[in-house]
Amino acid sequence: MVHPSIPLCFLLIWACQGRPSDELPLAERQSLFLPATTFVAHELTAIDSLPVVILRHRTVGLQSDTAIVPKPVFRELMESWFGKTFAEAPLQYAYKRKVFMDATLGRVTITCDTEDTTAAIQRLDMLMDPETEAIRSLYAEKVSVTATGKLIQKLYWSAGRQCRISKSLPHSTNPATSENITYSWGMVQP
């Protein structure tokens, strides 16, 4: 005869397993990037409404150039990074969110990353002010496969000032395969 507590133990073990923590329902995945997507949308709206010029400083290998970029072109570039609604691309992948409080800086860092190598955006970090809940900076890492290899793009956006994008082919020895672009519209120069 089986002891009556044995089936109860198996039932408790089975019930406590739950779902894996990295598999979020669609409703939770939609809100995962919400602070970042709201930040980008707000920044683009502010740029469109301010009488500012977007200055682009670009370095490819050993050559540099500077130009003025029209606001619609800049918006289109950012939409290519995050999608037109700024949330459509990342939703199909499994992301994990981590929150860190740095007492010395007085900032909160929210990190969303994935182990799925097919995800367009591999990592997204937001540095927030805990008192105002305003995002001070945004970092995004994007990986895509091109004809010449794996292209890694990193974006760093400083609120109200500038956006930097670096592109590189990590296995290339040619310095011309790396590109650094700074778009500035605030007080900071590249």
N, C-alpha and C. Protein backbone atom coordinates (compact mmCIF):
# COMPACT_ATOMS: atom_id res chain seq x y z
N MET A 1 0.84 -1.18 0.00
CA MET A 1 0.00 0.00 0.00
C MET A 1 0.88 1.24 0.00
N VAL A 2 0.45 2.25 -0.76
CA VAL A 2 1.19 3.50 -0.88
C VAL A 2 0.79 4.42 0.25
N HIS A 3 1.81 5.01 0.84
CA HIS A 3 1.56 5.95 1.94
C HIS A 3 0.78 7.15 1.40
N PRO A 4 -0.27 7.64 2.11
CA PRO A 4 -1.12 8.72 1.59
C PRO A 4 -0.38 10.03 1.34
N SER A 5 0.74 10.28 1.98
CA SER A 5 1.45 11.55 1.79
C SER A 5 2.32 11.55 0.53
N ILE A 6 2.64 10.39 -0.03
CA ILE A 6 3.50 10.33 -1.22
C ILE A 6 2.82 10.98 -2.43
N PRO A 7 1.56 10.64 -2.79
CA PRO A 7 0.94 11.33 -3.93
C PRO A 7 0.81 12.84 -3.69
N LEU A 8 0.58 13.24 -2.45
CA LEU A 8 0.49 14.66 -2.14
C LEU A 8 1.81 15.37 -2.39
N CYS A 9 2.93 14.72 -2.06
CA CYS A 9 4.26 15.30 -2.31
C CYS A 9 4.49 15.50 -3.80
N PHE A 10 4.14 14.50 -4.62
CA PHE A 10 4.29 14.62 -6.07
C PHE A 10 3.42 15.74 -6.63
N LEU A 11 2.21 15.86 -6.10
CA LEU A 11 1.32 16.92 -6.53
C LEU A 11 1.89 18.30 -6.20
N LEU A 12 2.46 18.46 -5.01
CA LEU A 12 3.06 19.73 -4.62
C LEU A 12 4.28 20.07 -5.48
N ILE A 13 5.11 19.07 -5.75
CA ILE A 13 6.29 19.30 -6.58
C ILE A 13 5.87 19.72 -7.99
N TRP A 14 4.88 19.05 -8.55
CA TRP A 14 4.39 19.37 -9.89
C TRP A 14 3.78 20.78 -9.92
N ALA A 15 3.04 21.14 -8.91
CA ALA A 15 2.37 22.44 -8.87
C ALA A 15 3.37 23.58 -8.70
N CYS A 16 4.47 23.35 -8.02
CA CYS A 16 5.44 24.42 -7.77
C CYS A 16 6.38 24.67 -8.94
N GLN A 17 6.36 23.79 -9.94
CA GLN A 17 7.27 23.98 -11.07
C GLN A 17 6.98 25.26 -11.82
N GLY A 18 5.74 25.55 -12.12
CA GLY A 18 5.38 26.79 -12.81
C GLY A 18 5.94 26.85 -14.21
N ARG A 19 5.81 28.00 -14.83
CA ARG A 19 6.35 28.18 -16.18
C ARG A 19 7.76 28.74 -16.10
N PRO A 20 8.59 28.51 -17.11
CA PRO A 20 9.93 29.09 -17.10
C PRO A 20 9.86 30.61 -17.02
N SER A 21 10.78 31.22 -16.28
CA SER A 21 10.73 32.66 -16.05
C SER A 21 11.01 33.48 -17.31
N ASP A 22 11.69 32.88 -18.30
CA ASP A 22 12.03 33.65 -19.49
C ASP A 22 10.95 33.59 -20.57
N GLU A 23 9.88 32.84 -20.35
CA GLU A 23 8.80 32.78 -21.32
C GLU A 23 7.63 33.61 -20.80
N LEU A 24 7.52 34.82 -21.28
CA LEU A 24 6.48 35.73 -20.82
C LEU A 24 5.27 35.68 -21.76
N PRO A 25 4.08 35.82 -21.22
CA PRO A 25 2.90 35.92 -22.08
C PRO A 25 2.99 37.18 -22.94
N LEU A 26 2.24 37.21 -24.04
CA LEU A 26 2.29 38.33 -24.98
C LEU A 26 2.01 39.67 -24.31
N ALA A 27 1.04 39.72 -23.39
CA ALA A 27 0.71 40.98 -22.72
C ALA A 27 1.91 41.54 -21.95
N GLU A 28 2.68 40.66 -21.31
CA GLU A 28 3.87 41.11 -20.57
C GLU A 28 4.99 41.49 -21.53
N ARG A 29 5.11 40.78 -22.66
CA ARG A 29 6.15 41.11 -23.63
C ARG A 29 5.89 42.48 -24.25
N GLN A 30 4.62 42.84 -24.43
CA GLN A 30 4.30 44.14 -25.01
C GLN A 30 4.73 45.28 -24.10
N SER A 31 4.69 45.09 -22.80
CA SER A 31 5.09 46.15 -21.88
C SER A 31 6.57 46.09 -21.54
N LEU A 32 7.28 45.06 -21.98
CA LEU A 32 8.68 44.88 -21.65
C LEU A 32 9.53 46.05 -22.14
N PHE A 33 9.30 46.51 -23.36
CA PHE A 33 10.08 47.58 -23.95
C PHE A 33 9.39 48.94 -23.83
N LEU A 34 8.27 48.99 -23.13
CA LEU A 34 7.46 50.21 -23.09
C LEU A 34 8.24 51.45 -22.66
N PRO A 35 9.03 51.42 -21.58
CA PRO A 35 9.76 52.65 -21.24
C PRO A 35 10.70 53.10 -22.36
N ALA A 36 11.37 52.16 -23.01
CA ALA A 36 12.30 52.51 -24.09
C ALA A 36 11.57 53.04 -25.30
N THR A 37 10.49 52.39 -25.68
CA THR A 37 9.76 52.82 -26.87
C THR A 37 9.10 54.17 -26.64
N THR A 38 8.60 54.40 -25.44
CA THR A 38 8.01 55.70 -25.09
C THR A 38 9.09 56.78 -25.12
N PHE A 39 10.27 56.45 -24.62
CA PHE A 39 11.39 57.39 -24.60
C PHE A 39 11.77 57.80 -26.02
N VAL A 40 11.94 56.84 -26.92
CA VAL A 40 12.33 57.14 -28.30
C VAL A 40 11.25 57.96 -29.00
N ALA A 41 10.00 57.57 -28.83
CA ALA A 41 8.90 58.31 -29.44
C ALA A 41 8.86 59.75 -28.92
N HIS A 42 9.05 59.93 -27.62
CA HIS A 42 9.04 61.27 -27.02
C HIS A 42 10.22 62.10 -27.53
N GLU A 43 11.39 61.51 -27.61
CA GLU A 43 12.57 62.23 -28.10
C GLU A 43 12.37 62.67 -29.55
N LEU A 44 11.83 61.79 -30.39
CA LEU A 44 11.60 62.15 -31.80
C LEU A 44 10.56 63.26 -31.93
N THR A 45 9.53 63.20 -31.11
CA THR A 45 8.52 64.26 -31.12
C THR A 45 9.14 65.59 -30.68
N ALA A 46 9.99 65.56 -29.65
CA ALA A 46 10.66 66.77 -29.18
C ALA A 46 11.58 67.34 -30.27
N ILE A 47 12.32 66.48 -30.95
CA ILE A 47 13.21 66.93 -32.03
C ILE A 47 12.40 67.58 -33.14
N ASP A 48 11.28 66.94 -33.51
CA ASP A 48 10.43 67.49 -34.57
C ASP A 48 9.84 68.85 -34.21
N SER A 49 9.58 69.06 -32.92
CA SER A 49 8.92 70.31 -32.51
C SER A 49 9.90 71.42 -32.16
N LEU A 50 11.16 71.11 -31.96
CA LEU A 50 12.14 72.15 -31.59
C LEU A 50 12.81 72.74 -32.82
N PRO A 51 13.21 73.99 -32.74
CA PRO A 51 13.95 74.59 -33.86
C PRO A 51 15.44 74.23 -33.78
N VAL A 52 15.72 72.96 -33.96
CA VAL A 52 17.10 72.48 -33.88
C VAL A 52 17.50 71.83 -35.20
N VAL A 53 18.78 71.76 -35.41
CA VAL A 53 19.36 71.09 -36.57
C VAL A 53 20.03 69.82 -36.06
N ILE A 54 19.89 68.74 -36.79
CA ILE A 54 20.56 67.49 -36.42
C ILE A 54 21.87 67.43 -37.20
N LEU A 55 22.96 67.42 -36.46
CA LEU A 55 24.30 67.37 -37.04
C LEU A 55 24.80 65.94 -36.98
N ARG A 56 25.27 65.43 -38.11
CA ARG A 56 25.81 64.06 -38.16
C ARG A 56 27.31 64.12 -38.35
N HIS A 57 28.04 63.49 -37.44
CA HIS A 57 29.49 63.34 -37.56
C HIS A 57 29.76 61.86 -37.76
N ARG A 58 30.35 61.50 -38.90
CA ARG A 58 30.53 60.10 -39.28
C ARG A 58 31.99 59.79 -39.49
N THR A 59 32.44 58.67 -38.92
CA THR A 59 33.81 58.21 -39.10
C THR A 59 33.77 56.77 -39.61
N VAL A 60 34.39 56.54 -40.76
CA VAL A 60 34.52 55.20 -41.34
C VAL A 60 36.01 54.96 -41.52
N GLY A 61 36.53 53.98 -40.79
CA GLY A 61 37.97 53.73 -40.84
C GLY A 61 38.72 54.97 -40.38
N LEU A 62 39.50 55.56 -41.28
CA LEU A 62 40.29 56.74 -40.94
C LEU A 62 39.70 58.03 -41.53
N GLN A 63 38.54 57.94 -42.18
CA GLN A 63 37.93 59.11 -42.81
C GLN A 63 36.73 59.58 -42.00
N SER A 64 36.59 60.92 -41.91
CA SER A 64 35.48 61.53 -41.18
C SER A 64 34.77 62.55 -42.05
N ASP A 65 33.48 62.73 -41.81
CA ASP A 65 32.75 63.81 -42.46
C ASP A 65 31.63 64.27 -41.54
N THR A 66 31.16 65.48 -41.79
CA THR A 66 30.09 66.07 -41.00
C THR A 66 29.05 66.62 -41.96
N ALA A 67 27.77 66.43 -41.60
CA ALA A 67 26.68 66.90 -42.45
C ALA A 67 25.46 67.19 -41.59
N ILE A 68 24.52 67.91 -42.16
CA ILE A 68 23.23 68.16 -41.52
C ILE A 68 22.26 67.11 -42.05
N VAL A 69 21.50 66.51 -41.14
CA VAL A 69 20.54 65.47 -41.51
C VAL A 69 19.13 66.02 -41.31
N PRO A 70 18.28 65.94 -42.33
CA PRO A 70 16.89 66.39 -42.15
C PRO A 70 16.17 65.54 -41.09
N LYS A 71 15.27 66.16 -40.37
CA LYS A 71 14.54 65.47 -39.30
C LYS A 71 13.78 64.24 -39.79
N PRO A 72 13.11 64.28 -40.96
CA PRO A 72 12.42 63.07 -41.43
C PRO A 72 13.37 61.90 -41.70
N VAL A 73 14.58 62.20 -42.16
CA VAL A 73 15.57 61.15 -42.41
C VAL A 73 16.01 60.52 -41.09
N PHE A 74 16.22 61.36 -40.08
CA PHE A 74 16.61 60.85 -38.76
C PHE A 74 15.49 59.98 -38.17
N ARG A 75 14.25 60.43 -38.29
CA ARG A 75 13.11 59.65 -37.79
C ARG A 75 13.05 58.29 -38.49
N GLU A 76 13.24 58.29 -39.80
CA GLU A 76 13.20 57.04 -40.56
C GLU A 76 14.31 56.08 -40.11
N LEU A 77 15.48 56.61 -39.82
CA LEU A 77 16.59 55.79 -39.33
C LEU A 77 16.23 55.14 -38.00
N MET A 78 15.64 55.93 -37.08
CA MET A 78 15.26 55.38 -35.78
C MET A 78 14.13 54.37 -35.91
N GLU A 79 13.21 54.60 -36.84
CA GLU A 79 12.14 53.64 -37.07
C GLU A 79 12.69 52.33 -37.62
N SER A 80 13.79 52.40 -38.38
CA SER A 80 14.41 51.17 -38.86
C SER A 80 15.06 50.39 -37.72
N TRP A 81 15.43 51.08 -36.66
CA TRP A 81 16.00 50.42 -35.49
C TRP A 81 14.93 49.77 -34.63
N PHE A 82 13.86 50.50 -34.37
CA PHE A 82 12.87 50.06 -33.38
C PHE A 82 11.52 49.68 -33.98
N GLY A 83 11.31 49.87 -35.27
CA GLY A 83 10.01 49.60 -35.88
C GLY A 83 9.16 50.86 -35.86
N LYS A 84 8.19 50.95 -36.76
CA LYS A 84 7.36 52.16 -36.84
C LYS A 84 6.60 52.45 -35.56
N THR A 85 6.13 51.40 -34.89
CA THR A 85 5.44 51.62 -33.63
C THR A 85 6.41 51.47 -32.46
N PHE A 86 7.68 51.29 -32.75
CA PHE A 86 8.75 51.18 -31.77
C PHE A 86 8.61 49.97 -30.85
N ALA A 87 7.76 49.02 -31.19
CA ALA A 87 7.63 47.85 -30.33
C ALA A 87 7.30 46.60 -31.11
N GLU A 88 7.19 46.69 -32.43
CA GLU A 88 6.73 45.53 -33.16
C GLU A 88 7.78 44.42 -33.30
N ALA A 89 9.03 44.76 -33.55
CA ALA A 89 10.04 43.74 -33.80
C ALA A 89 10.39 42.89 -32.57
N PRO A 90 10.63 43.47 -31.41
CA PRO A 90 11.11 42.65 -30.28
C PRO A 90 10.09 41.68 -29.69
N LEU A 91 8.81 41.84 -29.98
CA LEU A 91 7.79 41.07 -29.27
C LEU A 91 7.82 39.58 -29.54
N GLN A 92 8.37 39.17 -30.67
CA GLN A 92 8.32 37.75 -30.98
C GLN A 92 9.44 36.94 -30.31
N TYR A 93 10.35 37.58 -29.64
CA TYR A 93 11.47 36.88 -29.02
C TYR A 93 11.31 36.80 -27.51
N ALA A 94 12.00 35.86 -26.89
CA ALA A 94 11.94 35.68 -25.44
C ALA A 94 13.01 36.55 -24.78
N TYR A 95 12.59 37.58 -24.08
CA TYR A 95 13.50 38.48 -23.38
C TYR A 95 13.36 38.31 -21.88
N LYS A 96 14.45 38.58 -21.19
CA LYS A 96 14.44 38.61 -19.73
C LYS A 96 14.70 40.05 -19.31
N ARG A 97 13.99 40.49 -18.28
CA ARG A 97 14.19 41.85 -17.78
C ARG A 97 14.86 41.78 -16.41
N LYS A 98 15.89 42.61 -16.23
CA LYS A 98 16.59 42.71 -14.95
C LYS A 98 16.61 44.17 -14.54
N VAL A 99 16.42 44.43 -13.26
CA VAL A 99 16.42 45.80 -12.74
C VAL A 99 17.50 45.90 -11.66
N PHE A 100 18.35 46.93 -11.77
CA PHE A 100 19.42 47.16 -10.81
C PHE A 100 19.33 48.59 -10.29
N MET A 101 19.51 48.77 -8.99
CA MET A 101 19.54 50.10 -8.39
C MET A 101 20.97 50.40 -7.99
N ASP A 102 21.54 51.48 -8.52
CA ASP A 102 22.89 51.91 -8.19
C ASP A 102 22.79 53.10 -7.23
N ALA A 103 23.05 52.85 -5.97
CA ALA A 103 22.92 53.89 -4.95
C ALA A 103 23.96 54.99 -5.13
N THR A 104 25.16 54.66 -5.63
CA THR A 104 26.19 55.68 -5.79
C THR A 104 25.84 56.67 -6.89
N LEU A 105 25.24 56.20 -7.99
CA LEU A 105 24.83 57.08 -9.08
C LEU A 105 23.43 57.65 -8.87
N GLY A 106 22.66 56.99 -8.01
CA GLY A 106 21.28 57.40 -7.83
C GLY A 106 20.44 57.12 -9.07
N ARG A 107 20.74 56.03 -9.75
CA ARG A 107 20.05 55.66 -10.98
C ARG A 107 19.60 54.20 -10.92
N VAL A 108 18.58 53.90 -11.72
CA VAL A 108 18.09 52.55 -11.87
C VAL A 108 18.40 52.11 -13.30
N THR A 109 18.96 50.92 -13.45
CA THR A 109 19.23 50.37 -14.77
C THR A 109 18.28 49.21 -15.02
N ILE A 110 17.56 49.28 -16.14
CA ILE A 110 16.69 48.19 -16.57
C ILE A 110 17.32 47.58 -17.80
N THR A 111 17.57 46.28 -17.76
CA THR A 111 18.18 45.56 -18.87
C THR A 111 17.21 44.52 -19.40
N CYS A 112 17.02 44.51 -20.70
CA CYS A 112 16.25 43.47 -21.38
C CYS A 112 17.20 42.79 -22.36
N ASP A 113 17.40 41.48 -22.20
CA ASP A 113 18.27 40.77 -23.13
C ASP A 113 17.68 39.40 -23.44
N THR A 114 18.26 38.76 -24.43
CA THR A 114 17.77 37.46 -24.87
C THR A 114 18.94 36.55 -25.24
N GLU A 115 18.71 35.27 -25.13
CA GLU A 115 19.69 34.29 -25.58
C GLU A 115 19.37 33.83 -27.00
N ASP A 116 18.26 34.29 -27.54
CA ASP A 116 17.84 33.94 -28.89
C ASP A 116 18.72 34.70 -29.89
N THR A 117 19.58 34.00 -30.60
CA THR A 117 20.52 34.64 -31.52
C THR A 117 19.84 35.17 -32.78
N THR A 118 18.57 34.82 -32.99
CA THR A 118 17.87 35.34 -34.18
C THR A 118 17.15 36.65 -33.89
N ALA A 119 17.12 37.08 -32.64
CA ALA A 119 16.44 38.32 -32.28
C ALA A 119 17.18 39.52 -32.88
N ALA A 120 16.43 40.45 -33.44
CA ALA A 120 17.04 41.64 -34.05
C ALA A 120 17.74 42.49 -32.99
N ILE A 121 17.04 42.77 -31.90
CA ILE A 121 17.64 43.52 -30.80
C ILE A 121 18.05 42.52 -29.73
N GLN A 122 19.35 42.43 -29.49
CA GLN A 122 19.88 41.46 -28.54
C GLN A 122 19.84 41.96 -27.10
N ARG A 123 20.00 43.27 -26.94
CA ARG A 123 20.07 43.83 -25.59
C ARG A 123 19.56 45.26 -25.62
N LEU A 124 18.91 45.65 -24.52
CA LEU A 124 18.40 47.00 -24.38
C LEU A 124 18.59 47.40 -22.92
N ASP A 125 19.31 48.50 -22.67
CA ASP A 125 19.53 49.01 -21.31
C ASP A 125 18.96 50.42 -21.23
N MET A 126 18.28 50.68 -20.13
CA MET A 126 17.75 52.02 -19.88
C MET A 126 18.26 52.49 -18.53
N LEU A 127 18.83 53.68 -18.48
CA LEU A 127 19.29 54.28 -17.24
C LEU A 127 18.25 55.32 -16.84
N MET A 128 17.60 55.10 -15.68
CA MET A 128 16.48 55.95 -15.27
C MET A 128 16.77 56.66 -13.96
N ASP A 129 16.17 57.82 -13.82
CA ASP A 129 16.19 58.55 -12.56
C ASP A 129 15.05 57.99 -11.71
N PRO A 130 15.33 57.42 -10.52
CA PRO A 130 14.27 56.78 -9.74
C PRO A 130 13.23 57.76 -9.18
N GLU A 131 13.61 59.03 -9.00
CA GLU A 131 12.66 60.00 -8.45
C GLU A 131 11.66 60.47 -9.50
N THR A 132 12.15 60.79 -10.71
CA THR A 132 11.27 61.31 -11.75
C THR A 132 10.82 60.23 -12.73
N GLU A 133 11.46 59.07 -12.69
CA GLU A 133 11.23 57.95 -13.60
C GLU A 133 11.52 58.33 -15.05
N ALA A 134 12.32 59.37 -15.25
CA ALA A 134 12.72 59.78 -16.60
C ALA A 134 13.93 58.97 -17.04
N ILE A 135 13.93 58.57 -18.30
CA ILE A 135 15.08 57.84 -18.85
C ILE A 135 16.14 58.86 -19.21
N ARG A 136 17.34 58.65 -18.70
CA ARG A 136 18.46 59.55 -18.97
C ARG A 136 19.25 59.09 -20.18
N SER A 137 19.34 57.76 -20.39
CA SER A 137 20.05 57.24 -21.55
C SER A 137 19.51 55.87 -21.91
N LEU A 138 19.73 55.51 -23.16
CA LEU A 138 19.25 54.25 -23.70
C LEU A 138 20.38 53.61 -24.49
N TYR A 139 20.58 52.32 -24.29
CA TYR A 139 21.59 51.57 -25.04
C TYR A 139 20.89 50.38 -25.68
N ALA A 140 21.11 50.18 -26.97
CA ALA A 140 20.52 49.04 -27.67
C ALA A 140 21.60 48.38 -28.51
N GLU A 141 21.55 47.06 -28.57
CA GLU A 141 22.50 46.28 -29.35
C GLU A 141 21.72 45.45 -30.35
N LYS A 142 22.10 45.57 -31.61
CA LYS A 142 21.38 44.91 -32.70
C LYS A 142 22.39 44.06 -33.48
N VAL A 143 22.00 42.85 -33.85
CA VAL A 143 22.86 41.96 -34.61
C VAL A 143 22.10 41.52 -35.85
N SER A 144 22.77 41.61 -37.00
CA SER A 144 22.17 41.13 -38.24
C SER A 144 23.24 40.45 -39.08
N VAL A 145 22.80 39.56 -39.94
CA VAL A 145 23.73 38.83 -40.81
C VAL A 145 23.68 39.46 -42.19
N THR A 146 24.86 39.81 -42.70
CA THR A 146 24.97 40.41 -44.03
C THR A 146 25.78 39.47 -44.93
N ALA A 147 25.98 39.86 -46.17
CA ALA A 147 26.76 39.04 -47.11
C ALA A 147 28.22 38.93 -46.68
N THR A 148 28.72 39.93 -45.94
CA THR A 148 30.13 39.93 -45.52
C THR A 148 30.33 39.39 -44.10
N GLY A 149 29.28 39.01 -43.43
CA GLY A 149 29.41 38.46 -42.08
C GLY A 149 28.38 39.02 -41.13
N LYS A 150 28.62 38.79 -39.84
CA LYS A 150 27.70 39.27 -38.80
C LYS A 150 27.99 40.73 -38.50
N LEU A 151 26.96 41.57 -38.62
CA LEU A 151 27.09 43.00 -38.37
C LEU A 151 26.53 43.31 -36.98
N ILE A 152 27.36 43.93 -36.14
CA ILE A 152 26.94 44.32 -34.80
C ILE A 152 26.78 45.84 -34.78
N GLN A 153 25.60 46.29 -34.36
CA GLN A 153 25.32 47.72 -34.26
C GLN A 153 24.99 48.04 -32.81
N LYS A 154 25.56 49.11 -32.30
CA LYS A 154 25.31 49.55 -30.93
C LYS A 154 24.84 50.99 -30.97
N LEU A 155 23.74 51.26 -30.27
CA LEU A 155 23.17 52.59 -30.24
C LEU A 155 23.19 53.08 -28.79
N TYR A 156 23.66 54.30 -28.59
CA TYR A 156 23.62 54.93 -27.27
C TYR A 156 22.94 56.28 -27.44
N TRP A 157 21.81 56.48 -26.75
CA TRP A 157 21.02 57.69 -26.87
C TRP A 157 21.05 58.43 -25.54
N SER A 158 21.55 59.64 -25.55
CA SER A 158 21.58 60.50 -24.37
C SER A 158 20.41 61.47 -24.49
N ALA A 159 19.52 61.47 -23.52
CA ALA A 159 18.26 62.22 -23.59
C ALA A 159 18.48 63.70 -23.89
N GLY A 160 17.80 64.17 -24.95
CA GLY A 160 17.81 65.59 -25.29
C GLY A 160 19.08 66.11 -25.89
N ARG A 161 20.04 65.22 -26.22
CA ARG A 161 21.34 65.72 -26.67
C ARG A 161 21.86 65.05 -27.93
N GLN A 162 21.99 63.73 -27.89
CA GLN A 162 22.63 63.07 -29.02
C GLN A 162 22.34 61.57 -29.04
N CYS A 163 22.65 60.98 -30.19
CA CYS A 163 22.51 59.55 -30.40
C CYS A 163 23.75 59.08 -31.13
N ARG A 164 24.39 58.05 -30.61
CA ARG A 164 25.59 57.51 -31.25
C ARG A 164 25.31 56.08 -31.71
N ILE A 165 25.75 55.78 -32.91
CA ILE A 165 25.59 54.44 -33.46
C ILE A 165 26.96 53.97 -33.95
N SER A 166 27.36 52.80 -33.49
CA SER A 166 28.59 52.21 -34.01
C SER A 166 28.25 50.88 -34.68
N LYS A 167 28.87 50.65 -35.83
CA LYS A 167 28.65 49.43 -36.60
C LYS A 167 29.99 48.77 -36.82
N SER A 168 30.03 47.45 -36.67
CA SER A 168 31.28 46.74 -36.90
C SER A 168 31.03 45.31 -37.33
N LEU A 169 31.97 44.81 -38.11
CA LEU A 169 32.03 43.39 -38.45
C LEU A 169 33.15 42.82 -37.58
N PRO A 170 32.83 42.09 -36.51
CA PRO A 170 33.83 41.72 -35.52
C PRO A 170 34.97 40.85 -36.02
N HIS A 171 34.78 40.09 -37.08
CA HIS A 171 35.83 39.19 -37.55
C HIS A 171 36.62 39.76 -38.72
N SER A 172 36.44 41.04 -39.00
CA SER A 172 37.13 41.68 -40.11
C SER A 172 38.38 42.40 -39.60
N THR A 173 39.45 42.31 -40.37
CA THR A 173 40.69 43.02 -40.01
C THR A 173 40.78 44.36 -40.74
N ASN A 174 39.86 44.64 -41.64
CA ASN A 174 39.85 45.88 -42.40
C ASN A 174 39.24 47.00 -41.53
N PRO A 175 40.00 48.08 -41.25
CA PRO A 175 39.46 49.16 -40.41
C PRO A 175 38.28 49.88 -41.06
N ALA A 176 38.12 49.79 -42.37
CA ALA A 176 37.02 50.47 -43.05
C ALA A 176 35.68 49.78 -42.81
N THR A 177 35.69 48.61 -42.15
CA THR A 177 34.43 47.92 -41.89
C THR A 177 33.77 48.41 -40.61
N SER A 178 34.42 49.31 -39.88
CA SER A 178 33.79 49.88 -38.68
C SER A 178 33.34 51.31 -39.01
N GLU A 179 32.18 51.66 -38.45
CA GLU A 179 31.62 52.98 -38.70
C GLU A 179 31.06 53.52 -37.39
N ASN A 180 31.35 54.78 -37.08
CA ASN A 180 30.82 55.45 -35.90
C ASN A 180 30.12 56.72 -36.34
N ILE A 181 28.87 56.85 -35.94
CA ILE A 181 28.07 58.03 -36.32
C ILE A 181 27.50 58.65 -35.05
N THR A 182 27.64 59.96 -34.92
CA THR A 182 27.02 60.70 -33.82
C THR A 182 26.04 61.70 -34.42
N TYR A 183 24.80 61.59 -33.99
CA TYR A 183 23.77 62.56 -34.35
C TYR A 183 23.57 63.45 -33.14
N SER A 184 23.83 64.73 -33.27
CA SER A 184 23.66 65.62 -32.11
C SER A 184 22.71 66.76 -32.47
N TRP A 185 21.90 67.12 -31.51
CA TRP A 185 20.95 68.21 -31.69
C TRP A 185 20.88 69.06 -30.43
N GLY A 186 21.60 68.68 -29.39
CA GLY A 186 21.60 69.42 -28.13
C GLY A 186 22.89 70.21 -28.01
N MET A 187 23.35 70.35 -26.79
CA MET A 187 24.53 71.16 -26.49
C MET A 187 25.84 70.41 -26.67
N VAL A 188 25.80 69.10 -26.81
CA VAL A 188 27.02 68.28 -26.87
C VAL A 188 27.46 68.13 -28.32
N GLN A 189 28.73 68.34 -28.57
CA GLN A 189 29.31 68.12 -29.89
C GLN A 189 30.00 66.77 -29.91
N PRO A 190 30.14 66.14 -31.09
CA PRO A 190 30.78 64.82 -31.15
C PRO A 190 32.24 64.87 -30.76
